[in-house]
């Protein structure tokens, strides 16, 4: 008999065992339960009357700062963005909600559940 064949035959016999020799409860243990991690959302869906419309996280941050009374420059400083980027995000929000000004946007956002969706906090200046 070939020595390689003998080796592989004994090797396969030694390493091919049934689960009868090992208790299942010891081999299959469930991992410990972890505490739920905070959700880091990428989109904030506005709901009625804007079904299907959503804001990105950066848009939501800019809008929240605008609702708090921050100017574009203050919001840009807080979010470490340029003021033009903040203006761009606010323009995107106005386009999504069919608003023609910031005042109209403030009136329209009160009709949504936007403030209930916020799961982050922005530190003050």
C-alpha atoms as a PDB file:
ATOM      1  CA  UNK A   1       0.000   0.000   0.000  1.00  0.00           C
ATOM      2  CA  UNK A   2       1.161   3.470  -0.752  1.00  0.00           C
ATOM      3  CA  UNK A   3       2.327   5.424   2.329  1.00  0.00           C
ATOM      4  CA  UNK A   4       0.427   8.564   1.236  1.00  0.00           C
ATOM      5  CA  UNK A   5      -2.770   6.628   0.958  1.00  0.00           C
ATOM      6  CA  UNK A   6      -2.343   5.186   4.449  1.00  0.00           C
ATOM      7  CA  UNK A   7      -1.625   8.629   5.857  1.00  0.00           C
ATOM      8  CA  UNK A   8      -4.719  10.216   4.286  1.00  0.00           C
ATOM      9  CA  UNK A   9      -6.910   7.307   5.282  1.00  0.00           C
ATOM     10  CA  UNK A  10      -5.900   7.522   8.944  1.00  0.00           C
ATOM     11  CA  UNK A  11      -6.028  11.324   8.858  1.00  0.00           C
ATOM     12  CA  UNK A  12      -9.560  11.334   7.494  1.00  0.00           C
ATOM     13  CA  UNK A  13     -10.676   8.727  10.050  1.00  0.00           C
ATOM     14  CA  UNK A  14      -9.280  10.780  12.919  1.00  0.00           C
ATOM     15  CA  UNK A  15     -10.782  14.055  11.762  1.00  0.00           C
ATOM     16  CA  UNK A  16     -14.128  12.803  10.572  1.00  0.00           C
ATOM     17  CA  UNK A  17     -16.138  12.475  13.736  1.00  0.00           C
ATOM     18  CA  UNK A  18     -19.803  12.673  14.313  1.00  0.00           C
ATOM     19  CA  UNK A  19     -21.430  15.140  16.668  1.00  0.00           C
ATOM     20  CA  UNK A  20     -22.273  12.267  19.017  1.00  0.00           C
ATOM     21  CA  UNK A  21     -18.933  12.714  20.748  1.00  0.00           C
ATOM     22  CA  UNK A  22     -19.515  16.447  21.361  1.00  0.00           C
ATOM     23  CA  UNK A  23     -22.520  17.830  23.214  1.00  0.00           C
ATOM     24  CA  UNK A  24     -24.385  20.237  20.985  1.00  0.00           C
ATOM     25  CA  UNK A  25     -25.089  22.684  23.811  1.00  0.00           C
ATOM     26  CA  UNK A  26     -21.368  23.273  24.353  1.00  0.00           C
ATOM     27  CA  UNK A  27     -20.499  23.771  20.709  1.00  0.00           C
ATOM     28  CA  UNK A  28     -23.430  26.003  19.756  1.00  0.00           C
ATOM     29  CA  UNK A  29     -23.656  28.805  22.255  1.00  0.00           C
ATOM     30  CA  UNK A  30     -25.418  32.012  21.420  1.00  0.00           C
ATOM     31  CA  UNK A  31     -23.353  35.211  21.506  1.00  0.00           C
ATOM     32  CA  UNK A  32     -23.979  37.548  24.423  1.00  0.00           C
ATOM     33  CA  UNK A  33     -26.705  40.085  23.784  1.00  0.00           C
ATOM     34  CA  UNK A  34     -25.390  43.544  22.971  1.00  0.00           C
ATOM     35  CA  UNK A  35     -27.031  46.796  23.877  1.00  0.00           C
ATOM     36  CA  UNK A  36     -28.610  48.537  20.894  1.00  0.00           C
ATOM     37  CA  UNK A  37     -26.343  51.127  19.317  1.00  0.00           C
ATOM     38  CA  UNK A  38     -27.663  54.595  18.459  1.00  0.00           C
ATOM     39  CA  UNK A  39     -28.933  54.848  14.914  1.00  0.00           C
ATOM     40  CA  UNK A  40     -26.872  56.981  12.588  1.00  0.00           C
ATOM     41  CA  UNK A  41     -29.384  57.845   9.929  1.00  0.00           C
ATOM     42  CA  UNK A  42     -28.535  58.994   6.464  1.00  0.00           C
ATOM     43  CA  UNK A  43     -32.047  60.096   5.466  1.00  0.00           C
ATOM     44  CA  UNK A  44     -34.879  61.768   7.332  1.00  0.00           C
ATOM     45  CA  UNK A  45     -38.256  61.112   5.699  1.00  0.00           C
ATOM     46  CA  UNK A  46     -40.653  63.994   6.239  1.00  0.00           C
ATOM     47  CA  UNK A  47     -44.002  62.259   5.911  1.00  0.00           C
ATOM     48  CA  UNK A  48     -47.285  64.019   5.262  1.00  0.00           C
ATOM     49  CA  UNK A  49     -47.767  66.288   3.289  1.00  0.00           C
ATOM     50  CA  UNK A  50     -44.378  65.508   1.694  1.00  0.00           C
ATOM     51  CA  UNK A  51     -44.629  61.745   1.203  1.00  0.00           C
ATOM     52  CA  UNK A  52     -41.487  60.316  -0.382  1.00  0.00           C
ATOM     53  CA  UNK A  53     -39.390  63.409   0.334  1.00  0.00           C
ATOM     54  CA  UNK A  54     -36.387  63.096   2.606  1.00  0.00           C
ATOM     55  CA  UNK A  55     -33.538  65.209   3.895  1.00  0.00           C
ATOM     56  CA  UNK A  56     -29.942  64.091   4.128  1.00  0.00           C
ATOM     57  CA  UNK A  57     -28.209  64.337   7.478  1.00  0.00           C
ATOM     58  CA  UNK A  58     -26.336  67.500   6.477  1.00  0.00           C
ATOM     59  CA  UNK A  59     -29.531  69.085   5.186  1.00  0.00           C
ATOM     60  CA  UNK A  60     -31.253  68.189   8.454  1.00  0.00           C
ATOM     61  CA  UNK A  61     -28.391  69.718  10.453  1.00  0.00           C
ATOM     62  CA  UNK A  62     -28.541  72.941   8.434  1.00  0.00           C
ATOM     63  CA  UNK A  63     -32.309  73.118   8.788  1.00  0.00           C
ATOM     64  CA  UNK A  64     -32.129  72.530  12.534  1.00  0.00           C
ATOM     65  CA  UNK A  65     -29.631  75.358  12.920  1.00  0.00           C
ATOM     66  CA  UNK A  66     -31.814  77.613  10.783  1.00  0.00           C
ATOM     67  CA  UNK A  67     -34.773  76.775  13.037  1.00  0.00           C
ATOM     68  CA  UNK A  68     -32.623  77.725  16.038  1.00  0.00           C
ATOM     69  CA  UNK A  69     -31.996  81.149  14.483  1.00  0.00           C
ATOM     70  CA  UNK A  70     -28.425  80.679  13.271  1.00  0.00           C
ATOM     71  CA  UNK A  71     -27.241  82.706  10.293  1.00  0.00           C
ATOM     72  CA  UNK A  72     -25.650  80.863   7.372  1.00  0.00           C
ATOM     73  CA  UNK A  73     -22.191  81.930   8.559  1.00  0.00           C
ATOM     74  CA  UNK A  74     -22.840  80.716  12.125  1.00  0.00           C
ATOM     75  CA  UNK A  75     -24.222  77.413  10.839  1.00  0.00           C
ATOM     76  CA  UNK A  76     -21.206  77.017   8.572  1.00  0.00           C
ATOM     77  CA  UNK A  77     -18.855  77.644  11.494  1.00  0.00           C
ATOM     78  CA  UNK A  78     -20.706  75.142  13.705  1.00  0.00           C
ATOM     79  CA  UNK A  79     -20.757  72.413  11.027  1.00  0.00           C
ATOM     80  CA  UNK A  80     -17.247  73.239   9.717  1.00  0.00           C
ATOM     81  CA  UNK A  81     -18.585  73.972   6.248  1.00  0.00           C
ATOM     82  CA  UNK A  82     -18.443  77.014   4.036  1.00  0.00           C
ATOM     83  CA  UNK A  83     -21.387  79.407   4.072  1.00  0.00           C
ATOM     84  CA  UNK A  84     -21.967  78.655   0.379  1.00  0.00           C
ATOM     85  CA  UNK A  85     -22.394  74.954   1.234  1.00  0.00           C
ATOM     86  CA  UNK A  86     -24.971  75.800   3.886  1.00  0.00           C
ATOM     87  CA  UNK A  87     -26.795  77.980   1.355  1.00  0.00           C
ATOM     88  CA  UNK A  88     -26.693  75.074  -1.108  1.00  0.00           C
ATOM     89  CA  UNK A  89     -28.209  72.663   1.438  1.00  0.00           C
ATOM     90  CA  UNK A  90     -30.958  75.137   2.337  1.00  0.00           C
ATOM     91  CA  UNK A  91     -31.695  75.696  -1.357  1.00  0.00           C
ATOM     92  CA  UNK A  92     -32.021  71.916  -1.798  1.00  0.00           C
ATOM     93  CA  UNK A  93     -34.468  71.790   1.101  1.00  0.00           C
ATOM     94  CA  UNK A  94     -36.516  74.643  -0.353  1.00  0.00           C
ATOM     95  CA  UNK A  95     -36.635  72.837  -3.706  1.00  0.00           C
ATOM     96  CA  UNK A  96     -37.714  69.569  -2.095  1.00  0.00           C
ATOM     97  CA  UNK A  97     -40.509  71.282  -0.172  1.00  0.00           C
ATOM     98  CA  UNK A  98     -41.501  73.691  -2.969  1.00  0.00           C
ATOM     99  CA  UNK A  99     -40.741  76.754  -0.860  1.00  0.00           C
ATOM    100  CA  UNK A 100     -39.814  80.139  -2.278  1.00  0.00           C
ATOM    101  CA  UNK A 101     -38.128  81.662   0.801  1.00  0.00           C
ATOM    102  CA  UNK A 102     -36.755  80.840   4.229  1.00  0.00           C
ATOM    103  CA  UNK A 103     -39.914  82.166   5.872  1.00  0.00           C
ATOM    104  CA  UNK A 104     -42.071  79.949   3.672  1.00  0.00           C
ATOM    105  CA  UNK A 105     -39.765  77.031   4.515  1.00  0.00           C
ATOM    106  CA  UNK A 106     -40.224  77.674   8.249  1.00  0.00           C
ATOM    107  CA  UNK A 107     -43.993  77.692   7.805  1.00  0.00           C
ATOM    108  CA  UNK A 108     -43.943  74.484   5.766  1.00  0.00           C
ATOM    109  CA  UNK A 109     -41.595  72.602   8.103  1.00  0.00           C
ATOM    110  CA  UNK A 110     -44.045  73.171  10.965  1.00  0.00           C
ATOM    111  CA  UNK A 111     -46.555  71.026   9.043  1.00  0.00           C
ATOM    112  CA  UNK A 112     -44.184  68.047   9.081  1.00  0.00           C
ATOM    113  CA  UNK A 113     -42.869  65.844  11.862  1.00  0.00           C
ATOM    114  CA  UNK A 114     -39.288  67.020  11.273  1.00  0.00           C
ATOM    115  CA  UNK A 115     -38.465  67.924  14.867  1.00  0.00           C
ATOM    116  CA  UNK A 116     -39.677  64.506  16.048  1.00  0.00           C
ATOM    117  CA  UNK A 117     -37.207  62.821  13.667  1.00  0.00           C
ATOM    118  CA  UNK A 118     -34.100  64.539  14.978  1.00  0.00           C
ATOM    119  CA  UNK A 119     -31.862  61.988  16.701  1.00  0.00           C
ATOM    120  CA  UNK A 120     -28.757  64.144  17.012  1.00  0.00           C
ATOM    121  CA  UNK A 121     -27.777  67.248  18.903  1.00  0.00           C
ATOM    122  CA  UNK A 122     -25.681  70.114  17.640  1.00  0.00           C
ATOM    123  CA  UNK A 123     -23.624  71.911  20.270  1.00  0.00           C
ATOM    124  CA  UNK A 124     -24.152  75.670  20.632  1.00  0.00           C
ATOM    125  CA  UNK A 125     -21.639  78.179  19.259  1.00  0.00           C
END
